[in-house]
PDB file of N, CA and C in Angstrom:
ATOM      1  N   MET A   1     -27.030  17.877 -16.499  1.00  0.00           N
ATOM      2  CA  MET A   1     -27.981  18.503 -15.621  1.00  0.00           C
ATOM      3  C   MET A   1     -28.290  17.622 -14.417  1.00  0.00           C
ATOM      4  N   MET A   2     -28.363  16.328 -14.647  1.00  0.00           N
ATOM      5  CA  MET A   2     -28.690  15.414 -13.550  1.00  0.00           C
ATOM      6  C   MET A   2     -27.534  15.293 -12.559  1.00  0.00           C
ATOM      7  N   GLN A   3     -26.324  15.642 -12.980  1.00  0.00           N
ATOM      8  CA  GLN A   3     -25.191  15.601 -12.062  1.00  0.00           C
ATOM      9  C   GLN A   3     -25.125  16.848 -11.188  1.00  0.00           C
ATOM     10  N   ARG A   4     -25.678  17.951 -11.655  1.00  0.00           N
ATOM     11  CA  ARG A   4     -25.604  19.204 -10.904  1.00  0.00           C
ATOM     12  C   ARG A   4     -26.734  19.369  -9.899  1.00  0.00           C
ATOM     13  N   PHE A   5     -27.914  18.849 -10.216  1.00  0.00           N
ATOM     14  CA  PHE A   5     -29.087  19.064  -9.375  1.00  0.00           C
ATOM     15  C   PHE A   5     -29.557  17.752  -8.768  1.00  0.00           C
ATOM     16  N   ARG A   6     -30.268  17.859  -7.658  1.00  0.00           N
ATOM     17  CA  ARG A   6     -30.844  16.659  -7.046  1.00  0.00           C
ATOM     18  C   ARG A   6     -31.974  16.143  -7.928  1.00  0.00           C
ATOM     19  N   ALA A   7     -32.147  14.834  -7.925  1.00  0.00           N
ATOM     20  CA  ALA A   7     -33.180  14.223  -8.765  1.00  0.00           C
ATOM     21  C   ALA A   7     -34.562  14.721  -8.376  1.00  0.00           C
ATOM     22  N   ARG A   8     -34.785  14.951  -7.106  1.00  0.00           N
ATOM     23  CA  ARG A   8     -36.073  15.450  -6.631  1.00  0.00           C
ATOM     24  C   ARG A   8     -36.389  16.816  -7.231  1.00  0.00           C
ATOM     25  N   ASP A   9     -35.397  17.692  -7.286  1.00  0.00           N
ATOM     26  CA  ASP A   9     -35.606  19.025  -7.851  1.00  0.00           C
ATOM     27  C   ASP A   9     -35.887  18.966  -9.348  1.00  0.00           C
ATOM     28  N   VAL A  10     -35.207  18.066 -10.047  1.00  0.00           N
ATOM     29  CA  VAL A  10     -35.426  17.925 -11.488  1.00  0.00           C
ATOM     30  C   VAL A  10     -36.825  17.381 -11.754  1.00  0.00           C
ATOM     31  N   MET A  11     -37.281  16.423 -10.938  1.00  0.00           N
ATOM     32  CA  MET A  11     -38.632  15.882 -11.113  1.00  0.00           C
ATOM     33  C   MET A  11     -39.691  16.959 -10.864  1.00  0.00           C
ATOM     34  N   VAL A  12     -39.491  17.753  -9.837  1.00  0.00           N
ATOM     35  CA  VAL A  12     -40.440  18.831  -9.549  1.00  0.00           C
ATOM     36  C   VAL A  12     -40.439  19.851 -10.688  1.00  0.00           C
ATOM     37  N   GLY A  13     -39.272  20.156 -11.215  1.00  0.00           N
ATOM     38  CA  GLY A  13     -39.187  21.069 -12.352  1.00  0.00           C
ATOM     39  C   GLY A  13     -39.916  20.530 -13.576  1.00  0.00           C
ATOM     40  N   GLY A  14     -39.802  19.234 -13.822  1.00  0.00           N
ATOM     41  CA  GLY A  14     -40.519  18.625 -14.938  1.00  0.00           C
ATOM     42  C   GLY A  14     -42.027  18.676 -14.756  1.00  0.00           C
ATOM     43  N   VAL A  15     -42.483  18.444 -13.537  1.00  0.00           N
ATOM     44  CA  VAL A  15     -43.920  18.519 -13.266  1.00  0.00           C
ATOM     45  C   VAL A  15     -44.428  19.947 -13.419  1.00  0.00           C
ATOM     46  N   VAL A  16     -43.635  20.915 -12.969  1.00  0.00           N
ATOM     47  CA  VAL A  16     -44.025  22.321 -13.124  1.00  0.00           C
ATOM     48  C   VAL A  16     -44.077  22.700 -14.607  1.00  0.00           C
ATOM     49  N   LEU A  17     -43.107  22.228 -15.386  1.00  0.00           N
ATOM     50  CA  LEU A  17     -43.135  22.482 -16.832  1.00  0.00           C
ATOM     51  C   LEU A  17     -44.386  21.897 -17.468  1.00  0.00           C
ATOM     52  N   ASN A  18     -44.744  20.688 -17.077  1.00  0.00           N
ATOM     53  CA  ASN A  18     -45.965  20.078 -17.609  1.00  0.00           C
ATOM     54  C   ASN A  18     -47.199  20.873 -17.218  1.00  0.00           C
ATOM     55  N   ALA A  19     -47.270  21.325 -15.990  1.00  0.00           N
ATOM     56  CA  ALA A  19     -48.434  22.093 -15.540  1.00  0.00           C
ATOM     57  C   ALA A  19     -48.560  23.401 -16.326  1.00  0.00           C
ATOM     58  N   ILE A  20     -47.454  24.087 -16.525  1.00  0.00           N
ATOM     59  CA  ILE A  20     -47.482  25.333 -17.298  1.00  0.00           C
ATOM     60  C   ILE A  20     -47.909  25.052 -18.741  1.00  0.00           C
ATOM     61  N   ALA A  21     -47.353  23.989 -19.321  1.00  0.00           N
ATOM     62  CA  ALA A  21     -47.665  23.677 -20.713  1.00  0.00           C
ATOM     63  C   ALA A  21     -49.133  23.306 -20.885  1.00  0.00           C
ATOM     64  N   TYR A  22     -49.674  22.507 -19.999  1.00  0.00           N
ATOM     65  CA  TYR A  22     -51.081  22.132 -20.127  1.00  0.00           C
ATOM     66  C   TYR A  22     -52.002  23.317 -19.862  1.00  0.00           C
ATOM     67  N   PHE A  23     -51.603  24.199 -18.978  1.00  0.00           N
ATOM     68  CA  PHE A  23     -52.379  25.414 -18.757  1.00  0.00           C
ATOM     69  C   PHE A  23     -52.402  26.272 -20.016  1.00  0.00           C
ATOM     70  N   LEU A  24     -51.242  26.430 -20.649  1.00  0.00           N
ATOM     71  CA  LEU A  24     -51.185  27.196 -21.900  1.00  0.00           C
ATOM     72  C   LEU A  24     -52.001  26.527 -23.009  1.00  0.00           C
ATOM     73  N   LEU A  25     -51.931  25.204 -23.078  1.00  0.00           N
ATOM     74  CA  LEU A  25     -52.702  24.499 -24.094  1.00  0.00           C
ATOM     75  C   LEU A  25     -54.204  24.687 -23.909  1.00  0.00           C
ATOM     76  N   ALA A  26     -54.635  24.782 -22.668  1.00  0.00           N
ATOM     77  CA  ALA A  26     -56.065  24.912 -22.403  1.00  0.00           C
ATOM     78  C   ALA A  26     -56.599  26.289 -22.779  1.00  0.00           C
ATOM     79  N   PHE A  27     -55.768  27.302 -22.707  1.00  0.00           N
ATOM     80  CA  PHE A  27     -56.276  28.667 -22.867  1.00  0.00           C
ATOM     81  C   PHE A  27     -55.691  29.440 -24.044  1.00  0.00           C
ATOM     82  N   THR A  28     -54.994  28.793 -24.942  1.00  0.00           N
ATOM     83  CA  THR A  28     -54.386  29.534 -26.047  1.00  0.00           C
ATOM     84  C   THR A  28     -55.221  29.414 -27.325  1.00  0.00           C
ATOM     85  N   ASP A  29     -55.134  30.447 -28.122  1.00  0.00           N
ATOM     86  CA  ASP A  29     -55.743  30.456 -29.447  1.00  0.00           C
ATOM     87  C   ASP A  29     -54.690  30.597 -30.540  1.00  0.00           C
ATOM     88  N   SER A  30     -53.445  30.731 -30.146  1.00  0.00           N
ATOM     89  CA  SER A  30     -52.354  30.972 -31.079  1.00  0.00           C
ATOM     90  C   SER A  30     -51.650  29.659 -31.422  1.00  0.00           C
ATOM     91  N   LEU A  31     -51.468  29.404 -32.715  1.00  0.00           N
ATOM     92  CA  LEU A  31     -50.791  28.183 -33.142  1.00  0.00           C
ATOM     93  C   LEU A  31     -49.320  28.137 -32.714  1.00  0.00           C
ATOM     94  N   PRO A  32     -48.546  29.217 -32.835  1.00  0.00           N
ATOM     95  CA  PRO A  32     -47.155  29.147 -32.364  1.00  0.00           C
ATOM     96  C   PRO A  32     -47.045  28.871 -30.859  1.00  0.00           C
ATOM     97  N   LEU A  33     -47.906  29.479 -30.068  1.00  0.00           N
ATOM     98  CA  LEU A  33     -47.896  29.209 -28.631  1.00  0.00           C
ATOM     99  C   LEU A  33     -48.335  27.780 -28.342  1.00  0.00           C
ATOM    100  N   PHE A  34     -49.253  27.272 -29.140  1.00  0.00           N
ATOM    101  CA  PHE A  34     -49.705  25.895 -29.023  1.00  0.00           C
ATOM    102  C   PHE A  34     -48.548  24.932 -29.268  1.00  0.00           C
ATOM    103  N   LEU A  35     -47.758  25.179 -30.296  1.00  0.00           N
ATOM    104  CA  LEU A  35     -46.610  24.318 -30.613  1.00  0.00           C
ATOM    105  C   LEU A  35     -45.515  24.431 -29.562  1.00  0.00           C
ATOM    106  N   CYS A  36     -45.289  25.630 -29.035  1.00  0.00           N
ATOM    107  CA  CYS A  36     -44.306  25.800 -27.956  1.00  0.00           C
ATOM    108  C   CYS A  36     -44.751  25.078 -26.695  1.00  0.00           C
ATOM    109  N   SER A  37     -46.054  25.049 -26.463  1.00  0.00           N
ATOM    110  CA  SER A  37     -46.574  24.333 -25.292  1.00  0.00           C
ATOM    111  C   SER A  37     -46.307  22.841 -25.418  1.00  0.00           C
ATOM    112  N   TYR A  38     -46.442  22.299 -26.624  1.00  0.00           N
ATOM    113  CA  TYR A  38     -46.132  20.886 -26.815  1.00  0.00           C
ATOM    114  C   TYR A  38     -44.649  20.599 -26.612  1.00  0.00           C
ATOM    115  N   ALA A  39     -43.796  21.535 -26.955  1.00  0.00           N
ATOM    116  CA  ALA A  39     -42.366  21.367 -26.667  1.00  0.00           C
ATOM    117  C   ALA A  39     -42.125  21.334 -25.166  1.00  0.00           C
ATOM    118  N   LEU A  40     -42.849  22.165 -24.417  1.00  0.00           N
ATOM    119  CA  LEU A  40     -42.732  22.146 -22.959  1.00  0.00           C
ATOM    120  C   LEU A  40     -43.256  20.841 -22.372  1.00  0.00           C
ATOM    121  N   VAL A  41     -44.314  20.295 -22.954  1.00  0.00           N
ATOM    122  CA  VAL A  41     -44.834  19.001 -22.485  1.00  0.00           C
ATOM    123  C   VAL A  41     -43.774  17.921 -22.669  1.00  0.00           C
ATOM    124  N   GLY A  42     -43.105  17.933 -23.804  1.00  0.00           N
ATOM    125  CA  GLY A  42     -42.058  16.946 -24.051  1.00  0.00           C
ATOM    126  C   GLY A  42     -40.893  17.084 -23.086  1.00  0.00           C
ATOM    127  N   ALA A  43     -40.476  18.306 -22.843  1.00  0.00           N
ATOM    128  CA  ALA A  43     -39.368  18.519 -21.900  1.00  0.00           C
ATOM    129  C   ALA A  43     -39.775  18.128 -20.489  1.00  0.00           C
ATOM    130  N   GLY A  44     -40.980  18.482 -20.087  1.00  0.00           N
ATOM    131  CA  GLY A  44     -41.447  18.123 -18.749  1.00  0.00           C
ATOM    132  C   GLY A  44     -41.586  16.625 -18.566  1.00  0.00           C
ATOM    133  N   ALA A  45     -42.085  15.946 -19.598  1.00  0.00           N
ATOM    134  CA  ALA A  45     -42.216  14.490 -19.515  1.00  0.00           C
ATOM    135  C   ALA A  45     -40.849  13.814 -19.456  1.00  0.00           C
ATOM    136  N   ALA A  46     -39.897  14.346 -20.198  1.00  0.00           N
ATOM    137  CA  ALA A  46     -38.548  13.768 -20.162  1.00  0.00           C
ATOM    138  C   ALA A  46     -37.899  13.960 -18.803  1.00  0.00           C
ATOM    139  N   LEU A  47     -38.097  15.135 -18.214  1.00  0.00           N
ATOM    140  CA  LEU A  47     -37.469  15.401 -16.916  1.00  0.00           C
ATOM    141  C   LEU A  47     -38.145  14.643 -15.780  1.00  0.00           C
ATOM    142  N   SER A  48     -39.459  14.564 -15.798  1.00  0.00           N
ATOM    143  CA  SER A  48     -40.147  13.962 -14.662  1.00  0.00           C
ATOM    144  C   SER A  48     -40.341  12.464 -14.806  1.00  0.00           C
ATOM    145  N   GLY A  49     -40.416  11.949 -16.026  1.00  0.00           N
ATOM    146  CA  GLY A  49     -40.773  10.555 -16.163  1.00  0.00           C
ATOM    147  C   GLY A  49     -39.736   9.653 -16.772  1.00  0.00           C
ATOM    148  N   ILE A  50     -38.702  10.196 -17.380  1.00  0.00           N
ATOM    149  CA  ILE A  50     -37.741   9.345 -18.071  1.00  0.00           C
ATOM    150  C   ILE A  50     -36.343   9.467 -17.470  1.00  0.00           C
ATOM    151  N   LEU A  51     -35.827  10.670 -17.411  1.00  0.00           N
ATOM    152  CA  LEU A  51     -34.436  10.853 -16.988  1.00  0.00           C
ATOM    153  C   LEU A  51     -34.202  10.593 -15.508  1.00  0.00           C
ATOM    154  N   THR A  52     -35.083  11.086 -14.666  1.00  0.00           N
ATOM    155  CA  THR A  52     -34.821  10.962 -13.231  1.00  0.00           C
ATOM    156  C   THR A  52     -34.919   9.537 -12.713  1.00  0.00           C
ATOM    157  N   PRO A  53     -35.894   8.705 -13.117  1.00  0.00           N
ATOM    158  CA  PRO A  53     -35.857   7.323 -12.632  1.00  0.00           C
ATOM    159  C   PRO A  53     -34.613   6.570 -13.092  1.00  0.00           C
ATOM    160  N   LEU A  54     -34.181   6.833 -14.317  1.00  0.00           N
ATOM    161  CA  LEU A  54     -32.963   6.166 -14.794  1.00  0.00           C
ATOM    162  C   LEU A  54     -31.740   6.628 -14.020  1.00  0.00           C
ATOM    163  N   THR A  55     -31.678   7.903 -13.696  1.00  0.00           N
ATOM    164  CA  THR A  55     -30.563   8.418 -12.909  1.00  0.00           C
ATOM    165  C   THR A  55     -30.572   7.841 -11.508  1.00  0.00           C
ATOM    166  N   LEU A  56     -31.743   7.763 -10.894  1.00  0.00           N
ATOM    167  CA  LEU A  56     -31.832   7.189  -9.554  1.00  0.00           C
ATOM    168  C   LEU A  56     -31.373   5.740  -9.537  1.00  0.00           C
ATOM    169  N   VAL A  57     -31.801   4.951 -10.504  1.00  0.00           N
ATOM    170  CA  VAL A  57     -31.405   3.542 -10.548  1.00  0.00           C
ATOM    171  C   VAL A  57     -29.910   3.417 -10.775  1.00  0.00           C
ATOM    172  N   SER A  58     -29.362   4.222 -11.664  1.00  0.00           N
ATOM    173  CA  SER A  58     -27.923   4.125 -11.915  1.00  0.00           C
ATOM    174  C   SER A  58     -27.098   4.589 -10.716  1.00  0.00           C
ATOM    175  N   ARG A  59     -27.641   5.462  -9.883  1.00  0.00           N
ATOM    176  CA  ARG A  59     -26.927   5.873  -8.673  1.00  0.00           C
ATOM    177  C   ARG A  59     -27.058   4.829  -7.557  1.00  0.00           C
ATOM    178  N   TRP A  60     -28.215   4.183  -7.469  1.00  0.00           N
ATOM    179  CA  TRP A  60     -28.459   3.249  -6.368  1.00  0.00           C
ATOM    180  C   TRP A  60     -27.798   1.892  -6.579  1.00  0.00           C
ATOM    181  N   VAL A  61     -27.681   1.445  -7.839  1.00  0.00           N
ATOM    182  CA  VAL A  61     -27.164   0.106  -8.126  1.00  0.00           C
ATOM    183  C   VAL A  61     -25.752   0.246  -8.673  1.00  0.00           C
ATOM    184  N   PRO A  62     -24.732  -0.059  -7.869  1.00  0.00           N
ATOM    185  CA  PRO A  62     -23.358   0.113  -8.355  1.00  0.00           C
ATOM    186  C   PRO A  62     -22.906  -0.993  -9.307  1.00  0.00           C
ATOM    187  N   GLN A  63     -23.433  -2.208  -9.141  1.00  0.00           N
ATOM    188  CA  GLN A  63     -23.020  -3.316  -9.994  1.00  0.00           C
ATOM    189  C   GLN A  63     -24.219  -3.838 -10.765  1.00  0.00           C
ATOM    190  N   GLN A  64     -23.984  -4.305 -11.957  1.00  0.00           N
ATOM    191  CA  GLN A  64     -25.007  -4.849 -12.853  1.00  0.00           C
ATOM    192  C   GLN A  64     -26.119  -3.826 -13.091  1.00  0.00           C
ATOM    193  N   ARG A  65     -25.712  -2.647 -13.475  1.00  0.00           N
ATOM    194  CA  ARG A  65     -26.684  -1.577 -13.740  1.00  0.00           C
ATOM    195  C   ARG A  65     -27.590  -1.904 -14.919  1.00  0.00           C
ATOM    196  N   GLY A  66     -27.068  -2.648 -15.854  1.00  0.00           N
ATOM    197  CA  GLY A  66     -27.873  -2.990 -17.028  1.00  0.00           C
ATOM    198  C   GLY A  66     -29.120  -3.767 -16.662  1.00  0.00           C
ATOM    199  N   LYS A  67     -28.993  -4.706 -15.735  1.00  0.00           N
ATOM    200  CA  LYS A  67     -30.161  -5.479 -15.312  1.00  0.00           C
ATOM    201  C   LYS A  67     -31.167  -4.595 -14.584  1.00  0.00           C
ATOM    202  N   ALA A  68     -30.690  -3.712 -13.745  1.00  0.00           N
ATOM    203  CA  ALA A  68     -31.596  -2.828 -13.012  1.00  0.00           C
ATOM    204  C   ALA A  68     -32.285  -1.848 -13.958  1.00  0.00           C
ATOM    205  N   LEU A  69     -31.540  -1.306 -14.916  1.00  0.00           N
ATOM    206  CA  LEU A  69     -32.140  -0.378 -15.867  1.00  0.00           C
ATOM    207  C   LEU A  69     -33.148  -1.076 -16.781  1.00  0.00           C
ATOM    208  N   SER A  70     -32.876  -2.331 -17.127  1.00  0.00           N
ATOM    209  CA  SER A  70     -33.843  -3.048 -17.955  1.00  0.00           C
ATOM    210  C   SER A  70     -35.114  -3.348 -17.175  1.00  0.00           C
ATOM    211  N   ALA A  71     -35.004  -3.551 -15.868  1.00  0.00           N
ATOM    212  CA  ALA A  71     -36.206  -3.768 -15.060  1.00  0.00           C
ATOM    213  C   ALA A  71     -37.040  -2.495 -14.956  1.00  0.00           C
ATOM    214  N   VAL A  72     -36.370  -1.345 -14.936  1.00  0.00           N
ATOM    215  CA  VAL A  72     -37.099  -0.077 -14.870  1.00  0.00           C
ATOM    216  C   VAL A  72     -37.786   0.223 -16.193  1.00  0.00           C
ATOM    217  N   ASN A  73     -37.144  -0.085 -17.283  1.00  0.00           N
ATOM    218  CA  ASN A  73     -37.668   0.265 -18.604  1.00  0.00           C
ATOM    219  C   ASN A  73     -38.379  -0.870 -19.316  1.00  0.00           C
ATOM    220  N   ILE A  74     -38.754  -1.896 -18.610  1.00  0.00           N
ATOM    221  CA  ILE A  74     -39.308  -3.071 -19.263  1.00  0.00           C
ATOM    222  C   ILE A  74     -40.626  -2.734 -19.978  1.00  0.00           C
ATOM    223  N   PRO A  75     -40.656  -2.889 -21.265  1.00  0.00           N
ATOM    224  CA  PRO A  75     -41.874  -2.530 -22.002  1.00  0.00           C
ATOM    225  C   PRO A  75     -42.991  -3.552 -21.845  1.00  0.00           C
ATOM    226  N   VAL A  76     -42.674  -4.775 -21.471  1.00  0.00           N
ATOM    227  CA  VAL A  76     -43.710  -5.800 -21.323  1.00  0.00           C
ATOM    228  C   VAL A  76     -44.649  -5.433 -20.179  1.00  0.00           C
ATOM    229  N   VAL A  77     -44.113  -4.930 -19.092  1.00  0.00           N
ATOM    230  CA  VAL A  77     -44.950  -4.542 -17.956  1.00  0.00           C
ATOM    231  C   VAL A  77     -45.847  -3.374 -18.347  1.00  0.00           C
ATOM    232  N   MET A  78     -45.300  -2.423 -19.061  1.00  0.00           N
ATOM    233  CA  MET A  78     -46.099  -1.272 -19.482  1.00  0.00           C
ATOM    234  C   MET A  78     -47.172  -1.697 -20.476  1.00  0.00           C
ATOM    235  N   PHE A  79     -46.928  -2.745 -21.233  1.00  0.00           N
ATOM    236  CA  PHE A  79     -47.921  -3.248 -22.166  1.00  0.00           C
ATOM    237  C   PHE A  79     -48.982  -4.073 -21.452  1.00  0.00           C
ATOM    238  N   ALA A  80     -48.586  -4.878 -20.476  1.00  0.00           N
ATOM    239  CA  ALA A  80     -49.506  -5.818 -19.848  1.00  0.00           C
ATOM    240  C   ALA A  80     -50.343  -5.208 -18.724  1.00  0.00           C
ATOM    241  N   CYS A  81     -49.857  -4.176 -18.070  1.00  0.00           N
ATOM    242  CA  CYS A  81     -50.573  -3.613 -16.913  1.00  0.00           C
ATOM    243  C   CYS A  81     -51.984  -3.128 -17.248  1.00  0.00           C
ATOM    244  N   PRO A  82     -52.229  -2.415 -18.333  1.00  0.00           N
ATOM    245  CA  PRO A  82     -53.604  -1.996 -18.604  1.00  0.00           C
ATOM    246  C   PRO A  82     -54.561  -3.174 -18.789  1.00  0.00           C
ATOM    247  N   PHE A  83     -54.073  -4.261 -19.400  1.00  0.00           N
ATOM    248  CA  PHE A  83     -54.928  -5.420 -19.579  1.00  0.00           C
ATOM    249  C   PHE A  83     -55.219  -6.116 -18.259  1.00  0.00           C
ATOM    250  N   LEU A  84     -54.207  -6.181 -17.395  1.00  0.00           N
ATOM    251  CA  LEU A  84     -54.405  -6.803 -16.090  1.00  0.00           C
ATOM    252  C   LEU A  84     -55.366  -5.987 -15.214  1.00  0.00           C
ATOM    253  N   VAL A  85     -55.238  -4.697 -15.268  1.00  0.00           N
ATOM    254  CA  VAL A  85     -56.120  -3.844 -14.477  1.00  0.00           C
ATOM    255  C   VAL A  85     -57.542  -3.905 -15.027  1.00  0.00           C
ATOM    256  N   GLY A  86     -57.664  -3.923 -16.354  1.00  0.00           N
ATOM    257  CA  GLY A  86     -58.988  -3.982 -16.987  1.00  0.00           C
ATOM    258  C   GLY A  86     -59.651  -5.315 -16.768  1.00  0.00           C
TER     259      GLY A  86
END
């Protein structure tokens, strides 16, 4: 999918999926619709927050992609940032 569409379009699609899913979660009383909304949240989060940044980095960095991808996915920064901000 990331090879066929522009990364910008995929990110926008993921954000739209998240918006629809959260809207459904806010106003539903049905358990099956509630569970389907969570599936949409997962798909939207994967499209907007995980797949597209990795695709962009792999397209921009032709050599030593592993180092660039590890800098994007570094869990230490994601762990330390809330403490630094707080």
